[in-house]
Amino acid sequence: MALHLPDMDALDLRTEVAADLSGLLDAHIRAPLGQVLMREAWRNRESNLRSALVMAVAAVETGAKEFVARAAPDAAWLVENLQSPPLHKILADYLPTLPSRCGQADFVPPIPESWRMVLKRGVEDRNKVVHGRDIELDADMIERLLATSLDLLYFLDYHSGYGWAQAGDAE
């Protein structure tokens, strides 16, 4: 289920998804905002760890809210306008109650605990950074956060019914 990208740039276009993405572009369908923000985080990973951290967490929070809005349209207003519960609680407790549109499952499978723990740490570190705390950021932890965030975004896009996102799931 995990996507590992140690030697791959997140902007690489996989041949197997090029036709799907081309069709989306032709139909003027925008890329999910979570994916757009994730590309920005990925570009900053070597030059600015703080920016990569903040953007990766924003990407995941945005991607999770986008998914909820697609999977449960009646909840769209709530996730767009009210403060959400902590991300790790949404991932653990709420997402598995939502329908999947991938054709392989009726509901979204549970998010792996290892992903939730990496993302929880990322949110905690992001909060420290944006509230002005001077913390030492670990480049390896940021790489794990970026890879996990990308895994989760592909996972959510796949369960939204975007076939191209399955190619992002390497295992």
C-alpha atoms as a PDB file:
ATOM      1  CA  MET A   1       0.000   0.000   0.000  1.00  0.00           C
ATOM      2  CA  ALA A   2       2.940   2.359   0.557  1.00  0.00           C
ATOM      3  CA  LEU A   3       4.576   4.451  -2.110  1.00  0.00           C
ATOM      4  CA  HIS A   4       8.317   4.890  -1.723  1.00  0.00           C
ATOM      5  CA  LEU A   5       9.987   7.590  -3.767  1.00  0.00           C
ATOM      6  CA  PRO A   6      13.631   7.805  -2.700  1.00  0.00           C
ATOM      7  CA  ASP A   7      15.000   8.299  -6.224  1.00  0.00           C
ATOM      8  CA  MET A   8      11.948   9.689  -7.987  1.00  0.00           C
ATOM      9  CA  ASP A   9      10.804  13.247  -8.424  1.00  0.00           C
ATOM     10  CA  ALA A  10       7.125  13.705  -7.498  1.00  0.00           C
ATOM     11  CA  LEU A  11       6.654  15.674 -10.706  1.00  0.00           C
ATOM     12  CA  ASP A  12       7.568  12.721 -12.949  1.00  0.00           C
ATOM     13  CA  LEU A  13       4.642  11.738 -15.142  1.00  0.00           C
ATOM     14  CA  ARG A  14       4.091   8.006 -15.269  1.00  0.00           C
ATOM     15  CA  THR A  15       3.304   6.692 -18.741  1.00  0.00           C
ATOM     16  CA  GLU A  16       0.364   4.642 -17.478  1.00  0.00           C
ATOM     17  CA  VAL A  17      -1.463   7.740 -16.212  1.00  0.00           C
ATOM     18  CA  ALA A  18      -0.617  10.195 -18.985  1.00  0.00           C
ATOM     19  CA  ALA A  19      -3.780   9.447 -21.004  1.00  0.00           C
ATOM     20  CA  ASP A  20      -6.032   9.798 -17.932  1.00  0.00           C
ATOM     21  CA  LEU A  21      -4.439  13.088 -16.954  1.00  0.00           C
ATOM     22  CA  SER A  22      -4.585  14.369 -20.511  1.00  0.00           C
ATOM     23  CA  GLY A  23      -8.314  13.631 -20.557  1.00  0.00           C
ATOM     24  CA  LEU A  24      -8.804  15.512 -17.293  1.00  0.00           C
ATOM     25  CA  LEU A  25      -6.928  18.504 -18.678  1.00  0.00           C
ATOM     26  CA  ASP A  26      -8.976  18.411 -21.881  1.00  0.00           C
ATOM     27  CA  ALA A  27     -12.148  18.430 -19.762  1.00  0.00           C
ATOM     28  CA  HIS A  28     -10.782  21.426 -17.793  1.00  0.00           C
ATOM     29  CA  ILE A  29     -10.809  19.417 -14.556  1.00  0.00           C
ATOM     30  CA  ARG A  30      -8.273  20.786 -12.113  1.00  0.00           C
ATOM     31  CA  ALA A  31      -5.839  18.656 -10.203  1.00  0.00           C
ATOM     32  CA  PRO A  32      -6.918  18.088  -6.598  1.00  0.00           C
ATOM     33  CA  LEU A  33      -5.591  21.018  -4.544  1.00  0.00           C
ATOM     34  CA  GLY A  34      -3.954  18.627  -2.084  1.00  0.00           C
ATOM     35  CA  GLN A  35      -1.817  17.285  -4.936  1.00  0.00           C
ATOM     36  CA  VAL A  36      -0.919  20.813  -6.084  1.00  0.00           C
ATOM     37  CA  LEU A  37       0.182  21.779  -2.569  1.00  0.00           C
ATOM     38  CA  MET A  38       2.108  18.515  -2.251  1.00  0.00           C
ATOM     39  CA  ARG A  39       4.111  19.315  -5.386  1.00  0.00           C
ATOM     40  CA  GLU A  40       5.055  22.648  -3.784  1.00  0.00           C
ATOM     41  CA  ALA A  41       6.124  20.884  -0.586  1.00  0.00           C
ATOM     42  CA  TRP A  42       8.175  18.388  -2.609  1.00  0.00           C
ATOM     43  CA  ARG A  43       9.988  21.182  -4.476  1.00  0.00           C
ATOM     44  CA  ASN A  44      10.962  22.791  -1.150  1.00  0.00           C
ATOM     45  CA  ARG A  45      12.299  19.652   0.524  1.00  0.00           C
ATOM     46  CA  GLU A  46      15.968  20.329  -0.211  1.00  0.00           C
ATOM     47  CA  SER A  47      16.063  24.107   0.092  1.00  0.00           C
ATOM     48  CA  ASN A  48      13.612  24.881   2.918  1.00  0.00           C
ATOM     49  CA  LEU A  49      12.589  22.201   5.425  1.00  0.00           C
ATOM     50  CA  ARG A  50      10.173  24.493   7.259  1.00  0.00           C
ATOM     51  CA  SER A  51       8.328  25.335   4.077  1.00  0.00           C
ATOM     52  CA  ALA A  52       8.260  21.668   3.017  1.00  0.00           C
ATOM     53  CA  LEU A  53       6.845  20.721   6.428  1.00  0.00           C
ATOM     54  CA  VAL A  54       4.161  23.416   6.447  1.00  0.00           C
ATOM     55  CA  MET A  55       3.135  22.750   2.836  1.00  0.00           C
ATOM     56  CA  ALA A  56       3.037  18.954   3.283  1.00  0.00           C
ATOM     57  CA  VAL A  57       0.705  19.229   6.272  1.00  0.00           C
ATOM     58  CA  ALA A  58      -1.453  21.779   4.420  1.00  0.00           C
ATOM     59  CA  ALA A  59      -1.573  19.402   1.451  1.00  0.00           C
ATOM     60  CA  VAL A  60      -2.756  16.484   3.570  1.00  0.00           C
ATOM     61  CA  GLU A  61      -5.303  18.553   5.484  1.00  0.00           C
ATOM     62  CA  THR A  62      -6.619  19.948   2.200  1.00  0.00           C
ATOM     63  CA  GLY A  63      -6.636  16.530   0.547  1.00  0.00           C
ATOM     64  CA  ALA A  64      -8.539  14.999   3.473  1.00  0.00           C
ATOM     65  CA  LYS A  65     -11.131  17.787   3.368  1.00  0.00           C
ATOM     66  CA  GLU A  66     -11.453  17.473  -0.401  1.00  0.00           C
ATOM     67  CA  PHE A  67     -12.019  13.754   0.003  1.00  0.00           C
ATOM     68  CA  VAL A  68     -14.684  14.236   2.673  1.00  0.00           C
ATOM     69  CA  ALA A  69     -16.463  16.778   0.464  1.00  0.00           C
ATOM     70  CA  ARG A  70     -16.464  14.325  -2.467  1.00  0.00           C
ATOM     71  CA  ALA A  71     -17.395  11.243  -0.439  1.00  0.00           C
ATOM     72  CA  ALA A  72     -19.982  12.915   1.806  1.00  0.00           C
ATOM     73  CA  PRO A  73     -21.350  15.973  -0.016  1.00  0.00           C
ATOM     74  CA  ASP A  74     -23.670  16.747   2.906  1.00  0.00           C
ATOM     75  CA  ALA A  75     -20.575  17.273   5.071  1.00  0.00           C
ATOM     76  CA  ALA A  76     -18.810  19.528   2.553  1.00  0.00           C
ATOM     77  CA  TRP A  77     -19.994  22.759   4.151  1.00  0.00           C
ATOM     78  CA  LEU A  78     -18.843  21.592   7.579  1.00  0.00           C
ATOM     79  CA  VAL A  79     -15.315  20.688   6.498  1.00  0.00           C
ATOM     80  CA  GLU A  80     -14.987  23.869   4.461  1.00  0.00           C
ATOM     81  CA  ASN A  81     -16.287  26.291   7.099  1.00  0.00           C
ATOM     82  CA  LEU A  82     -15.768  24.891  10.584  1.00  0.00           C
ATOM     83  CA  GLN A  83     -12.677  23.923  12.532  1.00  0.00           C
ATOM     84  CA  SER A  84     -11.963  20.260  11.932  1.00  0.00           C
ATOM     85  CA  PRO A  85     -10.958  17.655  14.491  1.00  0.00           C
ATOM     86  CA  PRO A  86      -7.253  16.776  14.561  1.00  0.00           C
ATOM     87  CA  LEU A  87      -6.079  15.189  11.318  1.00  0.00           C
ATOM     88  CA  HIS A  88      -5.060  11.892  12.937  1.00  0.00           C
ATOM     89  CA  LYS A  89      -8.593  11.513  14.357  1.00  0.00           C
ATOM     90  CA  ILE A  90     -10.192  12.205  10.974  1.00  0.00           C
ATOM     91  CA  LEU A  91      -7.912   9.616   9.399  1.00  0.00           C
ATOM     92  CA  ALA A  92      -8.488   6.992  12.092  1.00  0.00           C
ATOM     93  CA  ASP A  93     -12.133   7.500  12.990  1.00  0.00           C
ATOM     94  CA  TYR A  94     -13.976   9.231  10.160  1.00  0.00           C
ATOM     95  CA  LEU A  95     -12.508   8.270   6.793  1.00  0.00           C
ATOM     96  CA  PRO A  96     -13.189   4.520   7.228  1.00  0.00           C
ATOM     97  CA  THR A  97     -16.910   5.352   7.581  1.00  0.00           C
ATOM     98  CA  LEU A  98     -17.017   6.980   4.148  1.00  0.00           C
ATOM     99  CA  PRO A  99     -17.831   5.236   0.877  1.00  0.00           C
ATOM    100  CA  SER A 100     -15.078   4.378  -1.563  1.00  0.00           C
ATOM    101  CA  ARG A 101     -15.539   4.983  -5.281  1.00  0.00           C
ATOM    102  CA  CYS A 102     -12.609   2.840  -6.380  1.00  0.00           C
ATOM    103  CA  GLY A 103     -14.744  -0.187  -7.241  1.00  0.00           C
ATOM    104  CA  GLN A 104     -12.614  -2.416  -4.996  1.00  0.00           C
ATOM    105  CA  ALA A 105     -14.201  -1.624  -1.615  1.00  0.00           C
ATOM    106  CA  ASP A 106     -17.497  -0.338  -0.259  1.00  0.00           C
ATOM    107  CA  PHE A 107     -15.793   1.867   2.328  1.00  0.00           C
ATOM    108  CA  VAL A 108     -12.389   3.473   2.650  1.00  0.00           C
ATOM    109  CA  PRO A 109     -10.026   0.963   4.262  1.00  0.00           C
ATOM    110  CA  PRO A 110      -8.425   1.989   7.559  1.00  0.00           C
ATOM    111  CA  ILE A 111      -5.467   4.311   7.168  1.00  0.00           C
ATOM    112  CA  PRO A 112      -2.292   2.505   8.295  1.00  0.00           C
ATOM    113  CA  GLU A 113      -1.253   3.441  11.808  1.00  0.00           C
ATOM    114  CA  SER A 114       2.299   4.078  10.613  1.00  0.00           C
ATOM    115  CA  TRP A 115       0.958   6.801   8.282  1.00  0.00           C
ATOM    116  CA  ARG A 116      -1.163   8.327  11.045  1.00  0.00           C
ATOM    117  CA  MET A 117       1.813   8.510  13.417  1.00  0.00           C
ATOM    118  CA  VAL A 118       4.076  10.181  10.833  1.00  0.00           C
ATOM    119  CA  LEU A 119       1.321  12.664   9.987  1.00  0.00           C
ATOM    120  CA  LYS A 120       0.541  13.354  13.650  1.00  0.00           C
ATOM    121  CA  ARG A 121       4.204  14.199  14.250  1.00  0.00           C
ATOM    122  CA  GLY A 122       4.186  16.377  11.129  1.00  0.00           C
ATOM    123  CA  VAL A 123       1.144  18.299  12.368  1.00  0.00           C
ATOM    124  CA  GLU A 124       2.749  18.787  15.793  1.00  0.00           C
ATOM    125  CA  ASP A 125       5.980  20.073  14.250  1.00  0.00           C
ATOM    126  CA  ARG A 126       4.076  22.267  11.793  1.00  0.00           C
ATOM    127  CA  ASN A 127       2.135  23.816  14.687  1.00  0.00           C
ATOM    128  CA  LYS A 128       5.377  24.594  16.503  1.00  0.00           C
ATOM    129  CA  VAL A 129       6.833  26.213  13.383  1.00  0.00           C
ATOM    130  CA  VAL A 130       3.805  28.364  12.553  1.00  0.00           C
ATOM    131  CA  HIS A 131       3.482  29.477  16.180  1.00  0.00           C
ATOM    132  CA  GLY A 132       7.027  30.784  16.172  1.00  0.00           C
ATOM    133  CA  ARG A 133       8.843  28.051  18.065  1.00  0.00           C
ATOM    134  CA  ASP A 134      12.417  27.541  16.982  1.00  0.00           C
ATOM    135  CA  ILE A 135      12.662  23.778  16.519  1.00  0.00           C
ATOM    136  CA  GLU A 136      15.328  21.629  14.950  1.00  0.00           C
ATOM    137  CA  LEU A 137      13.866  19.927  11.903  1.00  0.00           C
ATOM    138  CA  ASP A 138      15.143  16.505  10.930  1.00  0.00           C
ATOM    139  CA  ALA A 139      15.584  16.116   7.163  1.00  0.00           C
ATOM    140  CA  ASP A 140      14.891  12.372   7.369  1.00  0.00           C
ATOM    141  CA  MET A 141      11.641  13.001   9.228  1.00  0.00           C
ATOM    142  CA  ILE A 142      10.609  15.557   6.588  1.00  0.00           C
ATOM    143  CA  GLU A 143      11.355  13.006   3.844  1.00  0.00           C
ATOM    144  CA  ARG A 144       9.166  10.425   5.669  1.00  0.00           C
ATOM    145  CA  LEU A 145       6.438  13.032   6.052  1.00  0.00           C
ATOM    146  CA  LEU A 146       6.574  13.917   2.360  1.00  0.00           C
ATOM    147  CA  ALA A 147       6.494  10.288   1.224  1.00  0.00           C
ATOM    148  CA  THR A 148       3.664   9.449   3.644  1.00  0.00           C
ATOM    149  CA  SER A 149       1.715  12.550   2.630  1.00  0.00           C
ATOM    150  CA  LEU A 150       2.023  11.631  -1.020  1.00  0.00           C
ATOM    151  CA  ASP A 151       0.948   8.053  -0.240  1.00  0.00           C
ATOM    152  CA  LEU A 152      -2.119   9.334   1.580  1.00  0.00           C
ATOM    153  CA  LEU A 153      -3.075  11.785  -1.163  1.00  0.00           C
ATOM    154  CA  TYR A 154      -2.879   9.061  -3.819  1.00  0.00           C
ATOM    155  CA  PHE A 155      -4.862   6.760  -1.526  1.00  0.00           C
ATOM    156  CA  LEU A 156      -7.601   9.381  -1.067  1.00  0.00           C
ATOM    157  CA  ASP A 157      -7.678  10.270  -4.765  1.00  0.00           C
ATOM    158  CA  TYR A 158      -7.947   6.575  -5.646  1.00  0.00           C
ATOM    159  CA  HIS A 159     -10.868   6.123  -3.239  1.00  0.00           C
ATOM    160  CA  SER A 160     -12.440   9.237  -4.790  1.00  0.00           C
ATOM    161  CA  GLY A 161     -12.654   7.281  -8.023  1.00  0.00           C
ATOM    162  CA  TYR A 162      -9.627   8.719  -9.811  1.00  0.00           C
ATOM    163  CA  GLY A 163      -8.146   5.703 -11.601  1.00  0.00           C
ATOM    164  CA  TRP A 164      -4.887   7.534 -12.277  1.00  0.00           C
ATOM    165  CA  ALA A 165      -4.177   7.601  -8.532  1.00  0.00           C
ATOM    166  CA  GLN A 166      -3.863   3.802  -8.388  1.00  0.00           C
ATOM    167  CA  ALA A 167      -0.578   4.149 -10.305  1.00  0.00           C
ATOM    168  CA  GLY A 168       0.719   6.117  -7.324  1.00  0.00           C
ATOM    169  CA  ASP A 169       0.317   3.055  -5.119  1.00  0.00           C
ATOM    170  CA  ALA A 170       3.477   1.049  -5.658  1.00  0.00           C
ATOM    171  CA  GLU A 171       2.577  -1.972  -3.525  1.00  0.00           C
END
